[in-house]
Amino acid sequence: MPRVRDELLTVAELLGELGIARATFYRWRQLGRGPEAIKLPNGELRFRRAALERWLDGLTEPAA
């Protein structure tokens, strides 16, 4: 069965989806708290849609 490629998001697309500032995103990265990223040879970052979804699922807290 052929593997279906996962969508790759740019930093700008990720920021838009999460509704956060670029500075917030890079602070999370510095603290090791952001979603898993792929670093391309040119230094740009990409984020697999599935990895973003897993990261968001991991942030879920039960209702009090």
C-alpha atoms as a PDB file:
ATOM      1  CA  MET A   1       0.000   0.000   0.000  1.00  0.00           C
ATOM      2  CA  PRO A   2       1.516   3.384  -0.965  1.00  0.00           C
ATOM      3  CA  ARG A   3       2.257   5.781   1.859  1.00  0.00           C
ATOM      4  CA  VAL A   4       0.162   8.942   1.855  1.00  0.00           C
ATOM      5  CA  ARG A   5       2.314  12.020   2.418  1.00  0.00           C
ATOM      6  CA  ASP A   6       1.467  14.129   5.416  1.00  0.00           C
ATOM      7  CA  GLU A   7       0.910  17.843   4.834  1.00  0.00           C
ATOM      8  CA  LEU A   8       3.909  20.005   5.772  1.00  0.00           C
ATOM      9  CA  LEU A   9       3.167  23.376   7.370  1.00  0.00           C
ATOM     10  CA  THR A  10       5.464  26.397   7.311  1.00  0.00           C
ATOM     11  CA  VAL A  11       6.144  28.450  10.438  1.00  0.00           C
ATOM     12  CA  ALA A  12       3.737  31.137   9.174  1.00  0.00           C
ATOM     13  CA  GLU A  13       0.984  28.550   8.603  1.00  0.00           C
ATOM     14  CA  LEU A  14       1.563  27.049  12.053  1.00  0.00           C
ATOM     15  CA  LEU A  15       1.412  30.492  13.696  1.00  0.00           C
ATOM     16  CA  GLY A  16      -1.846  31.223  11.887  1.00  0.00           C
ATOM     17  CA  GLU A  17      -3.432  27.945  12.916  1.00  0.00           C
ATOM     18  CA  LEU A  18      -2.421  28.324  16.554  1.00  0.00           C
ATOM     19  CA  GLY A  19      -3.106  32.068  16.641  1.00  0.00           C
ATOM     20  CA  ILE A  20       0.195  32.839  18.358  1.00  0.00           C
ATOM     21  CA  ALA A  21       2.975  35.369  17.851  1.00  0.00           C
ATOM     22  CA  ARG A  22       6.276  34.358  16.261  1.00  0.00           C
ATOM     23  CA  ALA A  23       8.089  35.296  19.512  1.00  0.00           C
ATOM     24  CA  THR A  24       5.842  32.934  21.494  1.00  0.00           C
ATOM     25  CA  PHE A  25       6.535  30.111  19.074  1.00  0.00           C
ATOM     26  CA  TYR A  26      10.316  30.556  19.270  1.00  0.00           C
ATOM     27  CA  ARG A  27      10.169  30.811  23.058  1.00  0.00           C
ATOM     28  CA  TRP A  28       8.334  27.466  23.141  1.00  0.00           C
ATOM     29  CA  ARG A  29      10.996  26.001  20.829  1.00  0.00           C
ATOM     30  CA  GLN A  30      13.748  27.304  23.106  1.00  0.00           C
ATOM     31  CA  LEU A  31      12.056  25.672  26.093  1.00  0.00           C
ATOM     32  CA  GLY A  32      11.505  22.403  24.183  1.00  0.00           C
ATOM     33  CA  ARG A  33       7.736  22.778  24.495  1.00  0.00           C
ATOM     34  CA  GLY A  34       6.715  23.297  20.875  1.00  0.00           C
ATOM     35  CA  PRO A  35       5.597  20.766  18.273  1.00  0.00           C
ATOM     36  CA  GLU A  36       8.160  18.502  16.625  1.00  0.00           C
ATOM     37  CA  ALA A  37       9.739  20.128  13.566  1.00  0.00           C
ATOM     38  CA  ILE A  38      11.654  19.119  10.464  1.00  0.00           C
ATOM     39  CA  LYS A  39      14.669  21.332   9.751  1.00  0.00           C
ATOM     40  CA  LEU A  40      15.331  21.590   6.034  1.00  0.00           C
ATOM     41  CA  PRO A  41      18.880  21.920   4.634  1.00  0.00           C
ATOM     42  CA  ASN A  42      18.265  25.661   4.089  1.00  0.00           C
ATOM     43  CA  GLY A  43      17.451  26.071   7.805  1.00  0.00           C
ATOM     44  CA  GLU A  44      13.706  26.542   7.372  1.00  0.00           C
ATOM     45  CA  LEU A  45      11.324  24.605   9.595  1.00  0.00           C
ATOM     46  CA  ARG A  46       8.355  22.495   8.534  1.00  0.00           C
ATOM     47  CA  PHE A  47       5.756  20.754  10.674  1.00  0.00           C
ATOM     48  CA  ARG A  48       3.905  17.585   9.799  1.00  0.00           C
ATOM     49  CA  ARG A  49       0.154  17.999  10.259  1.00  0.00           C
ATOM     50  CA  ALA A  50       0.008  14.661  12.115  1.00  0.00           C
ATOM     51  CA  ALA A  51       2.792  15.733  14.518  1.00  0.00           C
ATOM     52  CA  LEU A  52       0.953  18.994  15.232  1.00  0.00           C
ATOM     53  CA  GLU A  53      -2.255  17.067  15.964  1.00  0.00           C
ATOM     54  CA  ARG A  54      -0.402  14.688  18.328  1.00  0.00           C
ATOM     55  CA  TRP A  55       1.225  17.646  20.094  1.00  0.00           C
ATOM     56  CA  LEU A  56      -2.143  19.358  20.524  1.00  0.00           C
ATOM     57  CA  ASP A  57      -3.715  16.123  21.794  1.00  0.00           C
ATOM     58  CA  GLY A  58      -0.943  15.930  24.391  1.00  0.00           C
ATOM     59  CA  LEU A  59      -1.944  19.351  25.724  1.00  0.00           C
ATOM     60  CA  THR A  60      -5.504  18.267  26.456  1.00  0.00           C
ATOM     61  CA  GLU A  61      -6.506  18.514  30.092  1.00  0.00           C
ATOM     62  CA  PRO A  62      -9.568  16.893  31.671  1.00  0.00           C
ATOM     63  CA  ALA A  63     -12.399  19.169  32.764  1.00  0.00           C
ATOM     64  CA  ALA A  64     -12.318  20.066  36.439  1.00  0.00           C
END
